[in-house]
Amino acid sequence: MGAPLEPSLAEVLWEWGRIGCIGFGGPPAHIALFRDLCVVRRRWLSAEQFEDAIAATNLLPGPGSTQLAIFCAWRLRGVRGALVGGAGFILPGLVAILGLSARILCAGRSTALPASSPRR
């Protein structure tokens, strides 16, 4: 069995976006999903490469699972992969937060969320 092919940018966008949409549970869940995708199922990275990536991202301040997502995409497809993978992973959550924020702001006074109502 030959070495697995590197993913296309479209595949990176699809898979990272999928994890961004279904990855409830915070960084531990994201890391497990990325490990399953990149190491177990697709074999794009070795277990050692993935563990090194976790170690490297743990040294940096900020959201480790987002850094890991970007690092894995960079390792597979370079700078373009990092940009596509990062956007694919981050945008689903951003869209959800913006949508909820717009909903709350458009609703005005809310009896369900009294603290969200603007003070007058």
Protein backbone atom coordinates (compact mmCIF):
# COMPACT_ATOMS: atom_id res chain seq x y z
CA MET A 1 0.00 0.00 0.00
CA GLY A 2 1.51 3.34 -1.07
CA ALA A 3 1.79 6.56 0.84
CA PRO A 4 -1.49 8.50 1.10
CA LEU A 5 -1.87 11.42 -1.26
CA GLU A 6 -1.76 14.90 0.19
CA PRO A 7 -5.21 16.49 0.39
CA SER A 8 -6.38 19.13 -2.03
CA LEU A 9 -7.16 22.60 -0.69
CA ALA A 10 -10.85 21.85 -1.22
CA GLU A 11 -10.49 18.71 0.89
CA VAL A 12 -8.71 20.68 3.63
CA LEU A 13 -11.51 23.27 3.58
CA TRP A 14 -14.19 20.58 3.72
CA GLU A 15 -12.62 18.49 6.50
CA TRP A 16 -11.47 21.42 8.67
CA GLY A 17 -14.89 23.08 8.20
CA ARG A 18 -16.62 19.85 9.18
CA ILE A 19 -14.61 19.68 12.39
CA GLY A 20 -15.32 23.39 12.99
CA CYS A 21 -19.05 22.63 12.73
CA ILE A 22 -19.25 19.43 14.77
CA GLY A 23 -16.36 19.91 17.21
CA PHE A 24 -18.35 20.54 20.39
CA GLY A 25 -16.42 19.90 23.57
CA GLY A 26 -13.60 22.39 23.18
CA PRO A 27 -9.93 21.71 22.50
CA PRO A 28 -9.87 18.08 23.74
CA ALA A 29 -12.64 17.19 21.28
CA HIS A 30 -10.99 19.12 18.43
CA ILE A 31 -7.63 17.46 19.04
CA ALA A 32 -9.24 14.01 19.06
CA LEU A 33 -11.11 14.77 15.82
CA PHE A 34 -7.96 16.06 14.11
CA ARG A 35 -5.99 13.02 15.29
CA ASP A 36 -8.65 10.69 13.95
CA LEU A 37 -8.71 12.53 10.61
CA CYS A 38 -5.01 13.20 10.02
CA VAL A 39 -3.38 10.17 11.67
CA VAL A 40 -5.87 7.30 11.83
CA ARG A 41 -8.24 7.59 8.87
CA ARG A 42 -6.29 9.48 6.20
CA ARG A 43 -2.72 8.86 7.42
CA TRP A 44 -1.63 12.29 6.21
CA LEU A 45 0.56 12.64 9.33
CA SER A 46 2.35 10.07 11.48
CA ALA A 47 1.48 9.76 15.16
CA GLU A 48 4.89 11.23 15.99
CA GLN A 49 4.35 14.26 13.72
CA PHE A 50 0.94 14.87 15.30
CA GLU A 51 2.30 14.60 18.85
CA ASP A 52 5.11 17.01 17.94
CA ALA A 53 2.47 19.42 16.63
CA ILE A 54 0.55 19.21 19.92
CA ALA A 55 3.75 19.86 21.85
CA ALA A 56 4.62 22.86 19.67
CA THR A 57 1.15 24.41 19.94
CA ASN A 58 1.11 23.90 23.73
CA LEU A 59 4.11 26.20 23.99
CA LEU A 60 2.21 29.08 22.38
CA PRO A 61 -0.35 31.30 24.09
CA GLY A 62 -3.88 31.19 22.77
CA PRO A 63 -6.35 28.54 21.63
CA GLY A 64 -4.37 25.34 21.19
CA SER A 65 -6.87 23.51 19.03
CA THR A 66 -7.05 26.41 16.56
CA GLN A 67 -3.26 26.52 16.40
CA LEU A 68 -3.18 22.75 15.88
CA ALA A 69 -5.75 23.00 13.08
CA ILE A 70 -3.69 25.66 11.33
CA PHE A 71 -0.41 23.80 11.93
CA CYS A 72 -1.74 20.51 10.51
CA ALA A 73 -3.11 22.27 7.42
CA TRP A 74 0.23 24.08 6.99
CA ARG A 75 2.13 20.80 7.32
CA LEU A 76 -0.03 19.24 4.61
CA ARG A 77 -0.41 22.13 2.13
CA GLY A 78 1.92 24.97 3.16
CA VAL A 79 0.87 28.56 3.68
CA ARG A 80 -2.22 28.29 1.48
CA GLY A 81 -3.27 25.18 3.38
CA ALA A 82 -2.83 27.01 6.68
CA LEU A 83 -5.00 29.90 5.49
CA VAL A 84 -7.70 27.60 4.08
CA GLY A 85 -7.64 25.21 7.04
CA GLY A 86 -7.67 28.04 9.57
CA ALA A 87 -10.58 29.74 7.86
CA GLY A 88 -12.47 26.45 7.51
CA PHE A 89 -12.04 25.68 11.19
CA ILE A 90 -12.76 29.17 12.55
CA LEU A 91 -15.56 30.42 10.28
CA PRO A 92 -18.37 28.05 11.39
CA GLY A 93 -18.07 29.25 14.99
CA LEU A 94 -17.72 32.87 13.92
CA VAL A 95 -20.84 32.66 11.75
CA ALA A 96 -22.80 31.05 14.60
CA ILE A 97 -21.75 33.74 17.09
CA LEU A 98 -22.52 36.57 14.65
CA GLY A 99 -25.91 35.02 13.87
CA LEU A 100 -26.81 34.68 17.53
CA SER A 101 -25.58 38.20 18.24
CA ALA A 102 -27.66 39.63 15.40
CA ARG A 103 -30.70 37.70 16.62
CA ILE A 104 -30.31 39.08 20.14
CA LEU A 105 -29.72 42.63 18.93
CA CYS A 106 -32.69 42.53 16.54
CA ALA A 107 -35.00 41.13 19.21
CA GLY A 108 -34.63 44.19 21.41
CA ARG A 109 -35.85 43.41 24.89
CA SER A 110 -35.71 39.72 25.61
CA THR A 111 -37.56 38.04 28.43
CA ALA A 112 -35.58 34.86 27.78
CA LEU A 113 -32.25 36.70 28.10
CA PRO A 114 -32.86 39.74 30.31
CA ALA A 115 -29.16 40.53 30.64
CA SER A 116 -28.90 40.78 26.86
CA SER A 117 -31.43 43.62 26.62
CA PRO A 118 -29.93 47.07 26.06
CA ARG A 119 -30.13 49.35 29.08
CA ARG A 120 -32.33 52.39 28.56
